[in-house]
Amino acid sequence: MDALQVLRISVGLDPTWGPASPKNLIAADFNRDGSVNALDALSILQVAVGQPTAVRPEWVFIDSDADLSGITRTDVSYDTGANVVAVDGVIATDMTSILLGNLEAP
């Protein structure tokens, strides 16, 4: 189903649940080349059926305060990492984790 959703996005259609969020577009750019296209869908399908592929699923971590509003299917650019705050020996961070290739409905 993830491959189908990515294929729909790659041709300009919405996923079956409605418009893709920036987080969905990040997850859809499976090969991290900066755009959602049929190669992403193919790689996801290859992983799903156990065929060899150069791209494997991976987690990306994005600061929860990051501005993702400029992400589109043709421009998937974002910075990974998160700010870590340490105060009096207490470490805190707030981040979003995305598994590339795993599109989830909102």
PDB file of N, CA and C in Angstrom:
ATOM      1  N   MET A   1       0.816  -1.189   0.000  1.00  0.00           N
ATOM      2  CA  MET A   1       0.000   0.000   0.000  1.00  0.00           C
ATOM      3  C   MET A   1       0.867   1.262   0.000  1.00  0.00           C
ATOM      4  N   ASP A   2       2.021   1.204   0.707  1.00  0.00           N
ATOM      5  CA  ASP A   2       2.914   2.362   0.726  1.00  0.00           C
ATOM      6  C   ASP A   2       3.399   2.688  -0.681  1.00  0.00           C
ATOM      7  N   ALA A   3       3.759   1.667  -1.462  1.00  0.00           N
ATOM      8  CA  ALA A   3       4.226   1.881  -2.835  1.00  0.00           C
ATOM      9  C   ALA A   3       3.126   2.524  -3.678  1.00  0.00           C
ATOM     10  N   LEU A   4       1.887   2.098  -3.486  1.00  0.00           N
ATOM     11  CA  LEU A   4       0.766   2.686  -4.221  1.00  0.00           C
ATOM     12  C   LEU A   4       0.609   4.160  -3.860  1.00  0.00           C
ATOM     13  N   GLN A   5       0.686   4.481  -2.565  1.00  0.00           N
ATOM     14  CA  GLN A   5       0.543   5.876  -2.141  1.00  0.00           C
ATOM     15  C   GLN A   5       1.646   6.740  -2.752  1.00  0.00           C
ATOM     16  N   VAL A   6       2.877   6.225  -2.753  1.00  0.00           N
ATOM     17  CA  VAL A   6       4.003   6.968  -3.331  1.00  0.00           C
ATOM     18  C   VAL A   6       3.803   7.147  -4.833  1.00  0.00           C
ATOM     19  N   LEU A   7       3.339   6.125  -5.510  1.00  0.00           N
ATOM     20  CA  LEU A   7       3.095   6.237  -6.943  1.00  0.00           C
ATOM     21  C   LEU A   7       2.019   7.287  -7.230  1.00  0.00           C
ATOM     22  N   ARG A   8       0.973   7.303  -6.443  1.00  0.00           N
ATOM     23  CA  ARG A   8      -0.077   8.320  -6.604  1.00  0.00           C
ATOM     24  C   ARG A   8       0.515   9.724  -6.439  1.00  0.00           C
ATOM     25  N   ILE A   9       1.310   9.910  -5.387  1.00  0.00           N
ATOM     26  CA  ILE A   9       1.920  11.220  -5.152  1.00  0.00           C
ATOM     27  C   ILE A   9       2.840  11.591  -6.311  1.00  0.00           C
ATOM     28  N   SER A  10       3.602  10.622  -6.820  1.00  0.00           N
ATOM     29  CA  SER A  10       4.586  10.902  -7.875  1.00  0.00           C
ATOM     30  C   SER A  10       3.950  11.416  -9.167  1.00  0.00           C
ATOM     31  N   VAL A  11       2.694  11.069  -9.406  1.00  0.00           N
ATOM     32  CA  VAL A  11       2.019  11.539 -10.619  1.00  0.00           C
ATOM     33  C   VAL A  11       1.086  12.716 -10.347  1.00  0.00           C
ATOM     34  N   GLY A  12       1.175  13.279  -9.137  1.00  0.00           N
ATOM     35  CA  GLY A  12       0.397  14.468  -8.819  1.00  0.00           C
ATOM     36  C   GLY A  12      -0.952  14.225  -8.188  1.00  0.00           C
ATOM     37  N   LEU A  13      -1.255  12.976  -7.831  1.00  0.00           N
ATOM     38  CA  LEU A  13      -2.511  12.669  -7.147  1.00  0.00           C
ATOM     39  C   LEU A  13      -2.304  12.675  -5.641  1.00  0.00           C
ATOM     40  N   ASP A  14      -3.391  12.855  -4.900  1.00  0.00           N
ATOM     41  CA  ASP A  14      -3.327  12.724  -3.451  1.00  0.00           C
ATOM     42  C   ASP A  14      -3.297  11.252  -3.076  1.00  0.00           C
ATOM     43  N   PRO A  15      -2.733  10.928  -1.905  1.00  0.00           N
ATOM     44  CA  PRO A  15      -2.880   9.563  -1.394  1.00  0.00           C
ATOM     45  C   PRO A  15      -4.369   9.245  -1.223  1.00  0.00           C
ATOM     46  N   THR A  16      -4.688   8.007  -0.992  1.00  0.00           N
ATOM     47  CA  THR A  16      -6.098   7.602  -0.897  1.00  0.00           C
ATOM     48  C   THR A  16      -6.834   8.266   0.260  1.00  0.00           C
ATOM     49  N   TRP A  17      -6.137   8.753   1.269  1.00  0.00           N
ATOM     50  CA  TRP A  17      -6.795   9.375   2.424  1.00  0.00           C
ATOM     51  C   TRP A  17      -6.964  10.878   2.274  1.00  0.00           C
ATOM     52  N   GLY A  18      -6.365  11.504   1.258  1.00  0.00           N
ATOM     53  CA  GLY A  18      -6.455  12.958   1.078  1.00  0.00           C
ATOM     54  C   GLY A  18      -5.079  13.555   0.858  1.00  0.00           C
ATOM     55  N   PRO A  19      -4.960  14.869   0.970  1.00  0.00           N
ATOM     56  CA  PRO A  19      -3.674  15.525   0.693  1.00  0.00           C
ATOM     57  C   PRO A  19      -2.542  15.002   1.577  1.00  0.00           C
ATOM     58  N   ALA A  20      -1.365  14.877   0.964  1.00  0.00           N
ATOM     59  CA  ALA A  20      -0.179  14.418   1.692  1.00  0.00           C
ATOM     60  C   ALA A  20       0.376  15.562   2.537  1.00  0.00           C
ATOM     61  N   SER A  21       0.746  15.240   3.748  1.00  0.00           N
ATOM     62  CA  SER A  21       1.391  16.218   4.623  1.00  0.00           C
ATOM     63  C   SER A  21       2.879  16.280   4.272  1.00  0.00           C
ATOM     64  N   PRO A  22       3.590  17.308   4.728  1.00  0.00           N
ATOM     65  CA  PRO A  22       5.038  17.330   4.505  1.00  0.00           C
ATOM     66  C   PRO A  22       5.731  16.070   5.056  1.00  0.00           C
ATOM     67  N   LYS A  23       5.273  15.556   6.170  1.00  0.00           N
ATOM     68  CA  LYS A  23       5.870  14.336   6.732  1.00  0.00           C
ATOM     69  C   LYS A  23       5.628  13.144   5.809  1.00  0.00           C
ATOM     70  N   ASN A  24       4.444  13.082   5.177  1.00  0.00           N
ATOM     71  CA  ASN A  24       4.170  12.027   4.199  1.00  0.00           C
ATOM     72  C   ASN A  24       5.115  12.142   3.013  1.00  0.00           C
ATOM     73  N   LEU A  25       5.373  13.367   2.565  1.00  0.00           N
ATOM     74  CA  LEU A  25       6.261  13.574   1.414  1.00  0.00           C
ATOM     75  C   LEU A  25       7.694  13.185   1.754  1.00  0.00           C
ATOM     76  N   ILE A  26       8.113  13.466   2.976  1.00  0.00           N
ATOM     77  CA  ILE A  26       9.450  13.036   3.409  1.00  0.00           C
ATOM     78  C   ILE A  26       9.521  11.515   3.386  1.00  0.00           C
ATOM     79  N   ALA A  27       8.510  10.851   3.933  1.00  0.00           N
ATOM     80  CA  ALA A  27       8.485   9.388   3.952  1.00  0.00           C
ATOM     81  C   ALA A  27       8.428   8.816   2.537  1.00  0.00           C
ATOM     82  N   ALA A  28       7.766   9.523   1.627  1.00  0.00           N
ATOM     83  CA  ALA A  28       7.624   9.045   0.253  1.00  0.00           C
ATOM     84  C   ALA A  28       8.923   9.153  -0.543  1.00  0.00           C
ATOM     85  N   ASP A  29       9.791  10.094  -0.184  1.00  0.00           N
ATOM     86  CA  ASP A  29      11.075  10.248  -0.886  1.00  0.00           C
ATOM     87  C   ASP A  29      12.046   9.207  -0.336  1.00  0.00           C
ATOM     88  N   PHE A  30      11.769   7.968  -0.649  1.00  0.00           N
ATOM     89  CA  PHE A  30      12.476   6.818  -0.085  1.00  0.00           C
ATOM     90  C   PHE A  30      13.971   6.827  -0.379  1.00  0.00           C
ATOM     91  N   ASN A  31      14.344   7.240  -1.588  1.00  0.00           N
ATOM     92  CA  ASN A  31      15.766   7.226  -1.954  1.00  0.00           C
ATOM     93  C   ASN A  31      16.474   8.547  -1.628  1.00  0.00           C
ATOM     94  N   ARG A  32      15.764   9.477  -1.033  1.00  0.00           N
ATOM     95  CA  ARG A  32      16.303  10.762  -0.556  1.00  0.00           C
ATOM     96  C   ARG A  32      16.988  11.566  -1.667  1.00  0.00           C
ATOM     97  N   ASP A  33      16.405  11.529  -2.864  1.00  0.00           N
ATOM     98  CA  ASP A  33      16.975  12.313  -3.963  1.00  0.00           C
ATOM     99  C   ASP A  33      16.330  13.687  -4.106  1.00  0.00           C
ATOM    100  N   GLY A  34      15.395  14.009  -3.218  1.00  0.00           N
ATOM    101  CA  GLY A  34      14.794  15.338  -3.218  1.00  0.00           C
ATOM    102  C   GLY A  34      13.472  15.446  -3.943  1.00  0.00           C
ATOM    103  N   SER A  35      12.966  14.337  -4.496  1.00  0.00           N
ATOM    104  CA  SER A  35      11.653  14.370  -5.141  1.00  0.00           C
ATOM    105  C   SER A  35      10.981  13.006  -4.983  1.00  0.00           C
ATOM    106  N   VAL A  36       9.663  13.037  -5.043  1.00  0.00           N
ATOM    107  CA  VAL A  36       8.882  11.799  -4.967  1.00  0.00           C
ATOM    108  C   VAL A  36       8.598  11.368  -6.397  1.00  0.00           C
ATOM    109  N   ASN A  37       9.079  10.179  -6.765  1.00  0.00           N
ATOM    110  CA  ASN A  37       8.889   9.704  -8.136  1.00  0.00           C
ATOM    111  C   ASN A  37       8.698   8.190  -8.145  1.00  0.00           C
ATOM    112  N   ALA A  38       8.513   7.648  -9.335  1.00  0.00           N
ATOM    113  CA  ALA A  38       8.234   6.217  -9.483  1.00  0.00           C
ATOM    114  C   ALA A  38       9.372   5.341  -8.965  1.00  0.00           C
ATOM    115  N   LEU A  39      10.603   5.842  -8.975  1.00  0.00           N
ATOM    116  CA  LEU A  39      11.720   5.050  -8.439  1.00  0.00           C
ATOM    117  C   LEU A  39      11.567   4.816  -6.940  1.00  0.00           C
ATOM    118  N   ASP A  40      10.995   5.795  -6.233  1.00  0.00           N
ATOM    119  CA  ASP A  40      10.722   5.599  -4.813  1.00  0.00           C
ATOM    120  C   ASP A  40       9.710   4.476  -4.619  1.00  0.00           C
ATOM    121  N   ALA A  41       8.639   4.505  -5.408  1.00  0.00           N
ATOM    122  CA  ALA A  41       7.616   3.460  -5.318  1.00  0.00           C
ATOM    123  C   ALA A  41       8.203   2.090  -5.650  1.00  0.00           C
ATOM    124  N   LEU A  42       9.038   2.017  -6.683  1.00  0.00           N
ATOM    125  CA  LEU A  42       9.662   0.752  -7.064  1.00  0.00           C
ATOM    126  C   LEU A  42      10.539   0.208  -5.938  1.00  0.00           C
ATOM    127  N   SER A  43      11.346   1.065  -5.340  1.00  0.00           N
ATOM    128  CA  SER A  43      12.221   0.614  -4.243  1.00  0.00           C
ATOM    129  C   SER A  43      11.412   0.125  -3.051  1.00  0.00           C
ATOM    130  N   ILE A  44      10.340   0.826  -2.726  1.00  0.00           N
ATOM    131  CA  ILE A  44       9.473   0.402  -1.607  1.00  0.00           C
ATOM    132  C   ILE A  44       8.859  -0.956  -1.919  1.00  0.00           C
ATOM    133  N   LEU A  45       8.410  -1.138  -3.134  1.00  0.00           N
ATOM    134  CA  LEU A  45       7.830  -2.424  -3.537  1.00  0.00           C
ATOM    135  C   LEU A  45       8.873  -3.532  -3.480  1.00  0.00           C
ATOM    136  N   GLN A  46      10.087  -3.259  -3.929  1.00  0.00           N
ATOM    137  CA  GLN A  46      11.150  -4.262  -3.872  1.00  0.00           C
ATOM    138  C   GLN A  46      11.428  -4.682  -2.427  1.00  0.00           C
ATOM    139  N   VAL A  47      11.466  -3.721  -1.513  1.00  0.00           N
ATOM    140  CA  VAL A  47      11.676  -4.047  -0.103  1.00  0.00           C
ATOM    141  C   VAL A  47      10.513  -4.887   0.417  1.00  0.00           C
ATOM    142  N   ALA A  48       9.292  -4.516   0.043  1.00  0.00           N
ATOM    143  CA  ALA A  48       8.096  -5.216   0.538  1.00  0.00           C
ATOM    144  C   ALA A  48       8.062  -6.681   0.124  1.00  0.00           C
ATOM    145  N   VAL A  49       8.572  -6.987  -1.077  1.00  0.00           N
ATOM    146  CA  VAL A  49       8.529  -8.371  -1.551  1.00  0.00           C
ATOM    147  C   VAL A  49       9.858  -9.100  -1.373  1.00  0.00           C
ATOM    148  N   GLY A  50      10.822  -8.448  -0.737  1.00  0.00           N
ATOM    149  CA  GLY A  50      12.081  -9.095  -0.410  1.00  0.00           C
ATOM    150  C   GLY A  50      13.099  -9.137  -1.529  1.00  0.00           C
ATOM    151  N   GLN A  51      12.924  -8.319  -2.554  1.00  0.00           N
ATOM    152  CA  GLN A  51      13.911  -8.263  -3.625  1.00  0.00           C
ATOM    153  C   GLN A  51      15.049  -7.326  -3.232  1.00  0.00           C
ATOM    154  N   PRO A  52      16.235  -7.585  -3.758  1.00  0.00           N
ATOM    155  CA  PRO A  52      17.359  -6.699  -3.437  1.00  0.00           C
ATOM    156  C   PRO A  52      17.152  -5.310  -4.024  1.00  0.00           C
ATOM    157  N   THR A  53      17.571  -4.315  -3.285  1.00  0.00           N
ATOM    158  CA  THR A  53      17.499  -2.929  -3.734  1.00  0.00           C
ATOM    159  C   THR A  53      18.629  -2.152  -3.074  1.00  0.00           C
ATOM    160  N   ALA A  54      19.090  -1.126  -3.741  1.00  0.00           N
ATOM    161  CA  ALA A  54      20.191  -0.319  -3.203  1.00  0.00           C
ATOM    162  C   ALA A  54      19.739   0.546  -2.035  1.00  0.00           C
ATOM    163  N   VAL A  55      18.448   0.775  -1.924  1.00  0.00           N
ATOM    164  CA  VAL A  55      17.915   1.648  -0.881  1.00  0.00           C
ATOM    165  C   VAL A  55      17.169   0.810   0.147  1.00  0.00           C
ATOM    166  N   ARG A  56      17.454   1.042   1.400  1.00  0.00           N
ATOM    167  CA  ARG A  56      16.791   0.322   2.495  1.00  0.00           C
ATOM    168  C   ARG A  56      16.006   1.320   3.349  1.00  0.00           C
ATOM    169  N   PRO A  57      14.974   0.857   4.030  1.00  0.00           N
ATOM    170  CA  PRO A  57      14.246   1.762   4.918  1.00  0.00           C
ATOM    171  C   PRO A  57      15.181   2.320   6.002  1.00  0.00           C
ATOM    172  N   GLU A  58      15.017   3.578   6.315  1.00  0.00           N
ATOM    173  CA  GLU A  58      15.800   4.174   7.384  1.00  0.00           C
ATOM    174  C   GLU A  58      14.963   5.226   8.090  1.00  0.00           C
ATOM    175  N   TRP A  59      15.313   5.485   9.331  1.00  0.00           N
ATOM    176  CA  TRP A  59      14.661   6.519  10.120  1.00  0.00           C
ATOM    177  C   TRP A  59      15.371   7.834   9.913  1.00  0.00           C
ATOM    178  N   VAL A  60      14.592   8.919   9.803  1.00  0.00           N
ATOM    179  CA  VAL A  60      15.154  10.262   9.835  1.00  0.00           C
ATOM    180  C   VAL A  60      14.531  10.973  11.031  1.00  0.00           C
ATOM    181  N   PHE A  61      15.319  11.820  11.658  1.00  0.00           N
ATOM    182  CA  PHE A  61      14.868  12.550  12.837  1.00  0.00           C
ATOM    183  C   PHE A  61      14.956  14.038  12.542  1.00  0.00           C
ATOM    184  N   ILE A  62      13.849  14.729  12.738  1.00  0.00           N
ATOM    185  CA  ILE A  62      13.731  16.139  12.401  1.00  0.00           C
ATOM    186  C   ILE A  62      13.283  16.892  13.647  1.00  0.00           C
ATOM    187  N   ASP A  63      13.882  18.049  13.866  1.00  0.00           N
ATOM    188  CA  ASP A  63      13.483  18.877  14.990  1.00  0.00           C
ATOM    189  C   ASP A  63      11.989  19.169  14.877  1.00  0.00           C
ATOM    190  N   SER A  64      11.269  19.008  15.973  1.00  0.00           N
ATOM    191  CA  SER A  64       9.816  19.191  15.929  1.00  0.00           C
ATOM    192  C   SER A  64       9.420  20.629  15.609  1.00  0.00           C
ATOM    193  N   ASP A  65      10.335  21.580  15.775  1.00  0.00           N
ATOM    194  CA  ASP A  65      10.055  22.979  15.447  1.00  0.00           C
ATOM    195  C   ASP A  65      10.450  23.344  14.021  1.00  0.00           C
ATOM    196  N   ALA A  66      10.938  22.385  13.250  1.00  0.00           N
ATOM    197  CA  ALA A  66      11.386  22.662  11.882  1.00  0.00           C
ATOM    198  C   ALA A  66      10.207  23.107  11.022  1.00  0.00           C
ATOM    199  N   ASP A  67      10.461  24.067  10.160  1.00  0.00           N
ATOM    200  CA  ASP A  67       9.439  24.542   9.229  1.00  0.00           C
ATOM    201  C   ASP A  67       9.452  23.639   7.995  1.00  0.00           C
ATOM    202  N   LEU A  68       8.432  22.824   7.859  1.00  0.00           N
ATOM    203  CA  LEU A  68       8.338  21.885   6.739  1.00  0.00           C
ATOM    204  C   LEU A  68       7.351  22.366   5.685  1.00  0.00           C
ATOM    205  N   SER A  69       6.885  23.601   5.805  1.00  0.00           N
ATOM    206  CA  SER A  69       5.819  24.097   4.935  1.00  0.00           C
ATOM    207  C   SER A  69       6.225  24.207   3.468  1.00  0.00           C
ATOM    208  N   GLY A  70       7.507  24.295   3.170  1.00  0.00           N
ATOM    209  CA  GLY A  70       7.954  24.428   1.786  1.00  0.00           C
ATOM    210  C   GLY A  70       8.152  23.114   1.057  1.00  0.00           C
ATOM    211  N   ILE A  71       7.898  22.006   1.720  1.00  0.00           N
ATOM    212  CA  ILE A  71       8.109  20.696   1.090  1.00  0.00           C
ATOM    213  C   ILE A  71       6.985  20.394   0.108  1.00  0.00           C
ATOM    214  N   THR A  72       7.372  20.017  -1.107  1.00  0.00           N
ATOM    215  CA  THR A  72       6.424  19.601  -2.139  1.00  0.00           C
ATOM    216  C   THR A  72       6.913  18.274  -2.719  1.00  0.00           C
ATOM    217  N   ARG A  73       6.126  17.652  -3.568  1.00  0.00           N
ATOM    218  CA  ARG A  73       6.540  16.362  -4.144  1.00  0.00           C
ATOM    219  C   ARG A  73       7.767  16.497  -5.032  1.00  0.00           C
ATOM    220  N   THR A  74       8.019  17.694  -5.558  1.00  0.00           N
ATOM    221  CA  THR A  74       9.187  17.905  -6.416  1.00  0.00           C
ATOM    222  C   THR A  74      10.358  18.554  -5.687  1.00  0.00           C
ATOM    223  N   ASP A  75      10.154  18.937  -4.433  1.00  0.00           N
ATOM    224  CA  ASP A  75      11.221  19.556  -3.641  1.00  0.00           C
ATOM    225  C   ASP A  75      11.115  19.080  -2.195  1.00  0.00           C
ATOM    226  N   VAL A  76      11.680  17.918  -1.937  1.00  0.00           N
ATOM    227  CA  VAL A  76      11.663  17.346  -0.595  1.00  0.00           C
ATOM    228  C   VAL A  76      13.024  17.635   0.043  1.00  0.00           C
ATOM    229  N   SER A  77      13.136  18.821   0.639  1.00  0.00           N
ATOM    230  CA  SER A  77      14.395  19.178   1.285  1.00  0.00           C
ATOM    231  C   SER A  77      14.122  19.542   2.741  1.00  0.00           C
ATOM    232  N   TYR A  78      14.956  19.011   3.613  1.00  0.00           N
ATOM    233  CA  TYR A  78      14.778  19.212   5.050  1.00  0.00           C
ATOM    234  C   TYR A  78      16.107  18.928   5.738  1.00  0.00           C
ATOM    235  N   ASP A  79      16.254  19.455   6.934  1.00  0.00           N
ATOM    236  CA  ASP A  79      17.443  19.194   7.740  1.00  0.00           C
ATOM    237  C   ASP A  79      17.110  18.147   8.786  1.00  0.00           C
ATOM    238  N   THR A  80      18.014  17.201   8.968  1.00  0.00           N
ATOM    239  CA  THR A  80      17.812  16.206  10.015  1.00  0.00           C
ATOM    240  C   THR A  80      18.500  16.676  11.291  1.00  0.00           C
ATOM    241  N   GLY A  81      18.138  16.051  12.384  1.00  0.00           N
ATOM    242  CA  GLY A  81      18.717  16.396  13.677  1.00  0.00           C
ATOM    243  C   GLY A  81      17.709  17.144  14.532  1.00  0.00           C
ATOM    244  N   ALA A  82      18.070  17.343  15.762  1.00  0.00           N
ATOM    245  CA  ALA A  82      17.194  18.038  16.698  1.00  0.00           C
ATOM    246  C   ALA A  82      18.038  18.794  17.701  1.00  0.00           C
ATOM    247  N   ASN A  83      17.462  19.855  18.231  1.00  0.00           N
ATOM    248  CA  ASN A  83      18.138  20.601  19.278  1.00  0.00           C
ATOM    249  C   ASN A  83      18.020  19.847  20.592  1.00  0.00           C
ATOM    250  N   VAL A  84      19.111  19.802  21.322  1.00  0.00           N
ATOM    251  CA  VAL A  84      19.129  19.141  22.625  1.00  0.00           C
ATOM    252  C   VAL A  84      19.435  20.198  23.671  1.00  0.00           C
ATOM    253  N   VAL A  85      18.621  20.228  24.716  1.00  0.00           N
ATOM    254  CA  VAL A  85      18.795  21.197  25.783  1.00  0.00           C
ATOM    255  C   VAL A  85      19.164  20.455  27.059  1.00  0.00           C
ATOM    256  N   ALA A  86      20.228  20.906  27.707  1.00  0.00           N
ATOM    257  CA  ALA A  86      20.639  20.318  28.991  1.00  0.00           C
ATOM    258  C   ALA A  86      20.621  21.414  30.047  1.00  0.00           C
ATOM    259  N   VAL A  87      19.791  21.214  31.061  1.00  0.00           N
ATOM    260  CA  VAL A  87      19.683  22.166  32.163  1.00  0.00           C
ATOM    261  C   VAL A  87      19.751  21.389  33.468  1.00  0.00           C
ATOM    262  N   ASP A  88      20.727  21.716  34.273  1.00  0.00           N
ATOM    263  CA  ASP A  88      20.892  21.066  35.587  1.00  0.00           C
ATOM    264  C   ASP A  88      20.932  19.536  35.473  1.00  0.00           C
ATOM    265  N   GLY A  89      21.628  19.050  34.476  1.00  0.00           N
ATOM    266  CA  GLY A  89      21.800  17.608  34.321  1.00  0.00           C
ATOM    267  C   GLY A  89      20.627  16.897  33.674  1.00  0.00           C
ATOM    268  N   VAL A  90      19.593  17.641  33.290  1.00  0.00           N
ATOM    269  CA  VAL A  90      18.430  17.049  32.628  1.00  0.00           C
ATOM    270  C   VAL A  90      18.524  17.370  31.141  1.00  0.00           C
ATOM    271  N   ILE A  91      18.472  16.334  30.334  1.00  0.00           N
ATOM    272  CA  ILE A  91      18.564  16.505  28.893  1.00  0.00           C
ATOM    273  C   ILE A  91      17.177  16.340  28.289  1.00  0.00           C
ATOM    274  N   ALA A  92      16.815  17.299  27.426  1.00  0.00           N
ATOM    275  CA  ALA A  92      15.501  17.250  26.788  1.00  0.00           C
ATOM    276  C   ALA A  92      15.644  17.542  25.302  1.00  0.00           C
ATOM    277  N   THR A  93      14.861  16.843  24.525  1.00  0.00           N
ATOM    278  CA  THR A  93      14.810  17.093  23.084  1.00  0.00           C
ATOM    279  C   THR A  93      13.403  16.795  22.598  1.00  0.00           C
ATOM    280  N   ASP A  94      13.011  17.458  21.533  1.00  0.00           N
ATOM    281  CA  ASP A  94      11.692  17.241  20.955  1.00  0.00           C
ATOM    282  C   ASP A  94      11.893  17.070  19.459  1.00  0.00           C
ATOM    283  N   MET A  95      11.627  15.876  18.964  1.00  0.00           N
ATOM    284  CA  MET A  95      11.869  15.599  17.553  1.00  0.00           C
ATOM    285  C   MET A  95      10.750  14.761  16.964  1.00  0.00           C
ATOM    286  N   THR A  96      10.713  14.774  15.651  1.00  0.00           N
ATOM    287  CA  THR A  96       9.788  13.948  14.895  1.00  0.00           C
ATOM    288  C   THR A  96      10.602  12.855  14.215  1.00  0.00           C
ATOM    289  N   SER A  97      10.146  11.622  14.321  1.00  0.00           N
ATOM    290  CA  SER A  97      10.836  10.511  13.648  1.00  0.00           C
ATOM    291  C   SER A  97       9.960  10.028  12.499  1.00  0.00           C
ATOM    292  N   ILE A  98      10.590   9.796  11.364  1.00  0.00           N
ATOM    293  CA  ILE A  98       9.876   9.351  10.164  1.00  0.00           C
ATOM    294  C   ILE A  98      10.621   8.150   9.593  1.00  0.00           C
ATOM    295  N   LEU A  99       9.909   7.067   9.373  1.00  0.00           N
ATOM    296  CA  LEU A  99      10.490   5.898   8.724  1.00  0.00           C
ATOM    297  C   LEU A  99      10.261   6.047   7.224  1.00  0.00           C
ATOM    298  N   LEU A 100      11.349   6.231   6.476  1.00  0.00           N
ATOM    299  CA  LEU A 100      11.216   6.421   5.036  1.00  0.00           C
ATOM    300  C   LEU A 100      10.557   5.193   4.404  1.00  0.00           C
ATOM    301  N   GLY A 101       9.585   5.447   3.551  1.00  0.00           N
ATOM    302  CA  GLY A 101       8.853   4.370   2.896  1.00  0.00           C
ATOM    303  C   GLY A 101       7.574   3.979   3.604  1.00  0.00           C
ATOM    304  N   ASN A 102       7.354   4.505   4.812  1.00  0.00           N
ATOM    305  CA  ASN A 102       6.160   4.168   5.589  1.00  0.00           C
ATOM    306  C   ASN A 102       5.238   5.377   5.629  1.00  0.00           C
ATOM    307  N   LEU A 103       4.269   5.399   4.734  1.00  0.00           N
ATOM    308  CA  LEU A 103       3.325   6.514   4.694  1.00  0.00           C
ATOM    309  C   LEU A 103       2.139   6.174   5.556  1.00  0.00           C
ATOM    310  N   GLU A 104       1.787   7.099   6.407  1.00  0.00           N
ATOM    311  CA  GLU A 104       0.661   6.878   7.309  1.00  0.00           C
ATOM    312  C   GLU A 104      -0.372   7.963   7.109  1.00  0.00           C
ATOM    313  N   ALA A 105      -1.628   7.557   7.117  1.00  0.00           N
ATOM    314  CA  ALA A 105      -2.716   8.530   7.022  1.00  0.00           C
ATOM    315  C   ALA A 105      -2.726   9.368   8.299  1.00  0.00           C
ATOM    316  N   PRO A 106      -3.122  10.628   8.159  1.00  0.00           N
ATOM    317  CA  PRO A 106      -3.155  11.497   9.347  1.00  0.00           C
ATOM    318  C   PRO A 106      -4.113  11.019  10.404  1.00  0.00           C
TER     319      PRO A 106
END
